[in-house]
Amino acid sequence: METKYRSFDELPLTLRVEDLMPILGIGRNTAYELVRSGQIRSVKIGRQIRIPKQEVFAFLHQQTG
């Protein structure tokens, strides 16, 4: 799966789990597990899960630091 974003600045303010998958190079189950476990913080709007792009950055920073 190929991502349509080339830089962090191009990302929308919130991402869907499906957007997260190609960005991190992970599968659907792994993406949902990261959200469910709280490793990547998200907000629920109705029945939809949205991930603020800053939380993706924070997750990556936490993994490298």
PDB file of N, CA and C in Angstrom:
ATOM      1  N   MET A   1       0.834  -1.173   0.000  1.00  0.00           N
ATOM      2  CA  MET A   1       0.000   0.000   0.000  1.00  0.00           C
ATOM      3  C   MET A   1       0.880   1.238   0.000  1.00  0.00           C
ATOM      4  N   GLU A   2       0.580   2.158  -0.853  1.00  0.00           N
ATOM      5  CA  GLU A   2       1.418   3.352  -0.994  1.00  0.00           C
ATOM      6  C   GLU A   2       0.722   4.552  -0.369  1.00  0.00           C
ATOM      7  N   THR A   3       1.477   5.365   0.328  1.00  0.00           N
ATOM      8  CA  THR A   3       0.916   6.554   0.958  1.00  0.00           C
ATOM      9  C   THR A   3       0.843   7.693  -0.043  1.00  0.00           C
ATOM     10  N   LYS A   4      -0.175   8.545   0.113  1.00  0.00           N
ATOM     11  CA  LYS A   4      -0.328   9.681  -0.788  1.00  0.00           C
ATOM     12  C   LYS A   4       0.324  10.939  -0.245  1.00  0.00           C
ATOM     13  N   TYR A   5       0.898  10.833   0.952  1.00  0.00           N
ATOM     14  CA  TYR A   5       1.548  11.976   1.584  1.00  0.00           C
ATOM     15  C   TYR A   5       3.056  11.833   1.484  1.00  0.00           C
ATOM     16  N   ARG A   6       3.734  12.938   1.159  1.00  0.00           N
ATOM     17  CA  ARG A   6       5.187  12.898   1.006  1.00  0.00           C
ATOM     18  C   ARG A   6       5.922  13.515   2.177  1.00  0.00           C
ATOM     19  N   SER A   7       5.201  14.296   2.998  1.00  0.00           N
ATOM     20  CA  SER A   7       5.850  14.911   4.150  1.00  0.00           C
ATOM     21  C   SER A   7       4.845  15.066   5.286  1.00  0.00           C
ATOM     22  N   PHE A   8       5.380  15.298   6.470  1.00  0.00           N
ATOM     23  CA  PHE A   8       4.539  15.480   7.652  1.00  0.00           C
ATOM     24  C   PHE A   8       3.598  16.666   7.464  1.00  0.00           C
ATOM     25  N   ASP A   9       4.065  17.707   6.815  1.00  0.00           N
ATOM     26  CA  ASP A   9       3.253  18.906   6.612  1.00  0.00           C
ATOM     27  C   ASP A   9       2.052  18.661   5.708  1.00  0.00           C
ATOM     28  N   GLU A  10       2.135  17.668   4.843  1.00  0.00           N
ATOM     29  CA  GLU A  10       1.032  17.362   3.934  1.00  0.00           C
ATOM     30  C   GLU A  10      -0.090  16.565   4.604  1.00  0.00           C
ATOM     31  N   LEU A  11       0.181  16.005   5.767  1.00  0.00           N
ATOM     32  CA  LEU A  11      -0.838  15.213   6.455  1.00  0.00           C
ATOM     33  C   LEU A  11      -1.991  16.096   6.900  1.00  0.00           C
ATOM     34  N   PRO A  12      -3.226  15.570   6.841  1.00  0.00           N
ATOM     35  CA  PRO A  12      -4.349  16.340   7.391  1.00  0.00           C
ATOM     36  C   PRO A  12      -4.228  16.396   8.916  1.00  0.00           C
ATOM     37  N   LEU A  13      -4.991  17.262   9.558  1.00  0.00           N
ATOM     38  CA  LEU A  13      -4.919  17.401  11.015  1.00  0.00           C
ATOM     39  C   LEU A  13      -5.238  16.103  11.734  1.00  0.00           C
ATOM     40  N   THR A  14      -6.183  15.329  11.196  1.00  0.00           N
ATOM     41  CA  THR A  14      -6.500  14.026  11.778  1.00  0.00           C
ATOM     42  C   THR A  14      -6.433  12.957  10.699  1.00  0.00           C
ATOM     43  N   LEU A  15      -6.023  11.774  11.119  1.00  0.00           N
ATOM     44  CA  LEU A  15      -5.876  10.641  10.201  1.00  0.00           C
ATOM     45  C   LEU A  15      -6.839   9.527  10.576  1.00  0.00           C
ATOM     46  N   ARG A  16      -7.230   8.762   9.594  1.00  0.00           N
ATOM     47  CA  ARG A  16      -7.970   7.533   9.853  1.00  0.00           C
ATOM     48  C   ARG A  16      -6.947   6.425  10.087  1.00  0.00           C
ATOM     49  N   VAL A  17      -7.388   5.327  10.663  1.00  0.00           N
ATOM     50  CA  VAL A  17      -6.485   4.198  10.875  1.00  0.00           C
ATOM     51  C   VAL A  17      -5.945   3.721   9.528  1.00  0.00           C
ATOM     52  N   GLU A  18      -6.771   3.772   8.497  1.00  0.00           N
ATOM     53  CA  GLU A  18      -6.342   3.353   7.159  1.00  0.00           C
ATOM     54  C   GLU A  18      -5.237   4.252   6.619  1.00  0.00           C
ATOM     55  N   ASP A  19      -5.223   5.526   7.013  1.00  0.00           N
ATOM     56  CA  ASP A  19      -4.152   6.442   6.608  1.00  0.00           C
ATOM     57  C   ASP A  19      -2.855   6.117   7.344  1.00  0.00           C
ATOM     58  N   LEU A  20      -2.984   5.654   8.575  1.00  0.00           N
ATOM     59  CA  LEU A  20      -1.831   5.355   9.413  1.00  0.00           C
ATOM     60  C   LEU A  20      -1.023   4.166   8.886  1.00  0.00           C
ATOM     61  N   MET A  21      -1.719   3.204   8.313  1.00  0.00           N
ATOM     62  CA  MET A  21      -1.081   1.959   7.869  1.00  0.00           C
ATOM     63  C   MET A  21       0.081   2.189   6.895  1.00  0.00           C
ATOM     64  N   PRO A  22      -0.109   2.887   5.785  1.00  0.00           N
ATOM     65  CA  PRO A  22       1.026   3.071   4.873  1.00  0.00           C
ATOM     66  C   PRO A  22       2.084   4.033   5.412  1.00  0.00           C
ATOM     67  N   ILE A  23       1.671   4.957   6.265  1.00  0.00           N
ATOM     68  CA  ILE A  23       2.636   5.908   6.829  1.00  0.00           C
ATOM     69  C   ILE A  23       3.651   5.175   7.688  1.00  0.00           C
ATOM     70  N   LEU A  24       3.165   4.239   8.514  1.00  0.00           N
ATOM     71  CA  LEU A  24       4.060   3.484   9.392  1.00  0.00           C
ATOM     72  C   LEU A  24       4.518   2.164   8.783  1.00  0.00           C
ATOM     73  N   GLY A  25       3.935   1.788   7.650  1.00  0.00           N
ATOM     74  CA  GLY A  25       4.310   0.520   7.014  1.00  0.00           C
ATOM     75  C   GLY A  25       3.850  -0.674   7.821  1.00  0.00           C
ATOM     76  N   ILE A  26       2.645  -0.576   8.380  1.00  0.00           N
ATOM     77  CA  ILE A  26       2.099  -1.650   9.202  1.00  0.00           C
ATOM     78  C   ILE A  26       0.763  -2.108   8.643  1.00  0.00           C
ATOM     79  N   GLY A  27       0.302  -3.237   9.120  1.00  0.00           N
ATOM     80  CA  GLY A  27      -0.974  -3.778   8.684  1.00  0.00           C
ATOM     81  C   GLY A  27      -2.135  -3.233   9.497  1.00  0.00           C
ATOM     82  N   ARG A  28      -3.326  -3.576   9.066  1.00  0.00           N
ATOM     83  CA  ARG A  28      -4.553  -3.115   9.698  1.00  0.00           C
ATOM     84  C   ARG A  28      -4.646  -3.542  11.160  1.00  0.00           C
ATOM     85  N   ASN A  29      -4.387  -4.815  11.444  1.00  0.00           N
ATOM     86  CA  ASN A  29      -4.485  -5.304  12.821  1.00  0.00           C
ATOM     87  C   ASN A  29      -3.502  -4.595  13.746  1.00  0.00           C
ATOM     88  N   THR A  30      -2.291  -4.393  13.283  1.00  0.00           N
ATOM     89  CA  THR A  30      -1.278  -3.702  14.087  1.00  0.00           C
ATOM     90  C   THR A  30      -1.688  -2.260  14.336  1.00  0.00           C
ATOM     91  N   ALA A  31      -2.203  -1.595  13.324  1.00  0.00           N
ATOM     92  CA  ALA A  31      -2.632  -0.203  13.468  1.00  0.00           C
ATOM     93  C   ALA A  31      -3.739  -0.089  14.513  1.00  0.00           C
ATOM     94  N   TYR A  32      -4.741  -0.964  14.429  1.00  0.00           N
ATOM     95  CA  TYR A  32      -5.825  -0.925  15.406  1.00  0.00           C
ATOM     96  C   TYR A  32      -5.329  -1.279  16.804  1.00  0.00           C
ATOM     97  N   GLU A  33      -4.387  -2.184  16.916  1.00  0.00           N
ATOM     98  CA  GLU A  33      -3.843  -2.552  18.226  1.00  0.00           C
ATOM     99  C   GLU A  33      -3.081  -1.378  18.851  1.00  0.00           C
ATOM    100  N   LEU A  34      -2.333  -0.636  18.057  1.00  0.00           N
ATOM    101  CA  LEU A  34      -1.626   0.543  18.569  1.00  0.00           C
ATOM    102  C   LEU A  34      -2.607   1.566  19.121  1.00  0.00           C
ATOM    103  N   VAL A  35      -3.733   1.733  18.444  1.00  0.00           N
ATOM    104  CA  VAL A  35      -4.754   2.678  18.891  1.00  0.00           C
ATOM    105  C   VAL A  35      -5.465   2.128  20.129  1.00  0.00           C
ATOM    106  N   ARG A  36      -5.883   0.863  20.079  1.00  0.00           N
ATOM    107  CA  ARG A  36      -6.599   0.251  21.208  1.00  0.00           C
ATOM    108  C   ARG A  36      -5.776   0.258  22.487  1.00  0.00           C
ATOM    109  N   SER A  37      -4.484   0.002  22.355  1.00  0.00           N
ATOM    110  CA  SER A  37      -3.614  -0.082  23.522  1.00  0.00           C
ATOM    111  C   SER A  37      -3.212   1.294  24.063  1.00  0.00           C
ATOM    112  N   GLY A  38      -3.507   2.346  23.313  1.00  0.00           N
ATOM    113  CA  GLY A  38      -3.162   3.689  23.752  1.00  0.00           C
ATOM    114  C   GLY A  38      -1.742   4.104  23.391  1.00  0.00           C
ATOM    115  N   GLN A  39      -1.020   3.245  22.662  1.00  0.00           N
ATOM    116  CA  GLN A  39       0.334   3.613  22.239  1.00  0.00           C
ATOM    117  C   GLN A  39       0.290   4.794  21.276  1.00  0.00           C
ATOM    118  N   ILE A  40      -0.764   4.844  20.476  1.00  0.00           N
ATOM    119  CA  ILE A  40      -1.044   6.008  19.642  1.00  0.00           C
ATOM    120  C   ILE A  40      -2.384   6.546  20.113  1.00  0.00           C
ATOM    121  N   ARG A  41      -2.372   7.762  20.636  1.00  0.00           N
ATOM    122  CA  ARG A  41      -3.604   8.349  21.162  1.00  0.00           C
ATOM    123  C   ARG A  41      -4.527   8.748  20.024  1.00  0.00           C
ATOM    124  N   SER A  42      -5.821   8.580  20.274  1.00  0.00           N
ATOM    125  CA  SER A  42      -6.811   8.887  19.254  1.00  0.00           C
ATOM    126  C   SER A  42      -8.042   9.477  19.907  1.00  0.00           C
ATOM    127  N   VAL A  43      -8.930   9.988  19.082  1.00  0.00           N
ATOM    128  CA  VAL A  43     -10.223  10.470  19.542  1.00  0.00           C
ATOM    129  C   VAL A  43     -11.294   9.744  18.755  1.00  0.00           C
ATOM    130  N   LYS A  44     -12.410   9.523  19.408  1.00  0.00           N
ATOM    131  CA  LYS A  44     -13.515   8.862  18.738  1.00  0.00           C
ATOM    132  C   LYS A  44     -14.587   9.905  18.478  1.00  0.00           C
ATOM    133  N   ILE A  45     -14.991  10.011  17.238  1.00  0.00           N
ATOM    134  CA  ILE A  45     -16.032  10.945  16.826  1.00  0.00           C
ATOM    135  C   ILE A  45     -17.168  10.096  16.274  1.00  0.00           C
ATOM    136  N   GLY A  46     -18.207   9.958  17.062  1.00  0.00           N
ATOM    137  CA  GLY A  46     -19.261   9.019  16.689  1.00  0.00           C
ATOM    138  C   GLY A  46     -18.685   7.617  16.742  1.00  0.00           C
ATOM    139  N   ARG A  47     -18.761   6.904  15.642  1.00  0.00           N
ATOM    140  CA  ARG A  47     -18.184   5.561  15.560  1.00  0.00           C
ATOM    141  C   ARG A  47     -16.826   5.554  14.881  1.00  0.00           C
ATOM    142  N   GLN A  48     -16.338   6.728  14.515  1.00  0.00           N
ATOM    143  CA  GLN A  48     -15.081   6.814  13.779  1.00  0.00           C
ATOM    144  C   GLN A  48     -13.918   7.148  14.698  1.00  0.00           C
ATOM    145  N   ILE A  49     -12.774   6.535  14.409  1.00  0.00           N
ATOM    146  CA  ILE A  49     -11.539   6.798  15.152  1.00  0.00           C
ATOM    147  C   ILE A  49     -10.703   7.772  14.332  1.00  0.00           C
ATOM    148  N   ARG A  50     -10.254   8.834  14.974  1.00  0.00           N
ATOM    149  CA  ARG A  50      -9.377   9.800  14.315  1.00  0.00           C
ATOM    150  C   ARG A  50      -8.120   9.973  15.150  1.00  0.00           C
ATOM    151  N   ILE A  51      -6.997  10.064  14.467  1.00  0.00           N
ATOM    152  CA  ILE A  51      -5.694  10.180  15.114  1.00  0.00           C
ATOM    153  C   ILE A  51      -5.105  11.537  14.746  1.00  0.00           C
ATOM    154  N   PRO A  52      -4.918  12.420  15.729  1.00  0.00           N
ATOM    155  CA  PRO A  52      -4.269  13.702  15.427  1.00  0.00           C
ATOM    156  C   PRO A  52      -2.852  13.462  14.898  1.00  0.00           C
ATOM    157  N   LYS A  53      -2.469  14.197  13.886  1.00  0.00           N
ATOM    158  CA  LYS A  53      -1.158  13.946  13.279  1.00  0.00           C
ATOM    159  C   LYS A  53      -0.020  14.158  14.272  1.00  0.00           C
ATOM    160  N   GLN A  54      -0.201  15.030  15.259  1.00  0.00           N
ATOM    161  CA  GLN A  54       0.837  15.226  16.269  1.00  0.00           C
ATOM    162  C   GLN A  54       1.059  13.957  17.086  1.00  0.00           C
ATOM    163  N   GLU A  55       0.023  13.128  17.234  1.00  0.00           N
ATOM    164  CA  GLU A  55       0.157  11.885  17.986  1.00  0.00           C
ATOM    165  C   GLU A  55       1.007  10.860  17.218  1.00  0.00           C
ATOM    166  N   VAL A  56       0.939  10.901  15.910  1.00  0.00           N
ATOM    167  CA  VAL A  56       1.800  10.030  15.098  1.00  0.00           C
ATOM    168  C   VAL A  56       3.252  10.445  15.301  1.00  0.00           C
ATOM    169  N   PHE A  57       3.500  11.743  15.268  1.00  0.00           N
ATOM    170  CA  PHE A  57       4.849  12.266  15.502  1.00  0.00           C
ATOM    171  C   PHE A  57       5.332  11.892  16.899  1.00  0.00           C
ATOM    172  N   ALA A  58       4.463  12.044  17.905  1.00  0.00           N
ATOM    173  CA  ALA A  58       4.829  11.713  19.288  1.00  0.00           C
ATOM    174  C   ALA A  58       5.150  10.220  19.425  1.00  0.00           C
ATOM    175  N   PHE A  59       4.374   9.382  18.772  1.00  0.00           N
ATOM    176  CA  PHE A  59       4.620   7.939  18.817  1.00  0.00           C
ATOM    177  C   PHE A  59       5.975   7.608  18.213  1.00  0.00           C
ATOM    178  N   LEU A  60       6.271   8.177  17.064  1.00  0.00           N
ATOM    179  CA  LEU A  60       7.556   7.908  16.410  1.00  0.00           C
ATOM    180  C   LEU A  60       8.716   8.435  17.249  1.00  0.00           C
ATOM    181  N   HIS A  61       8.546   9.597  17.833  1.00  0.00           N
ATOM    182  CA  HIS A  61       9.582  10.179  18.674  1.00  0.00           C
ATOM    183  C   HIS A  61       9.827   9.303  19.905  1.00  0.00           C
ATOM    184  N   GLN A  62       8.772   8.781  20.487  1.00  0.00           N
ATOM    185  CA  GLN A  62       8.864   7.914  21.656  1.00  0.00           C
ATOM    186  C   GLN A  62       9.601   6.603  21.304  1.00  0.00           C
ATOM    187  N   GLN A  63       9.387   6.099  20.113  1.00  0.00           N
ATOM    188  CA  GLN A  63      10.008   4.849  19.696  1.00  0.00           C
ATOM    189  C   GLN A  63      11.496   5.012  19.449  1.00  0.00           C
ATOM    190  N   THR A  64      11.906   6.198  19.069  1.00  0.00           N
ATOM    191  CA  THR A  64      13.325   6.414  18.765  1.00  0.00           C
ATOM    192  C   THR A  64      14.100   6.951  19.964  1.00  0.00           C
ATOM    193  N   GLY A  65      13.394   7.435  20.980  1.00  0.00           N
ATOM    194  CA  GLY A  65      14.067   8.104  22.060  1.00  0.00           C
ATOM    195  C   GLY A  65      14.281   7.288  23.254  1.00  0.00           C
TER     196      GLY A  65
END
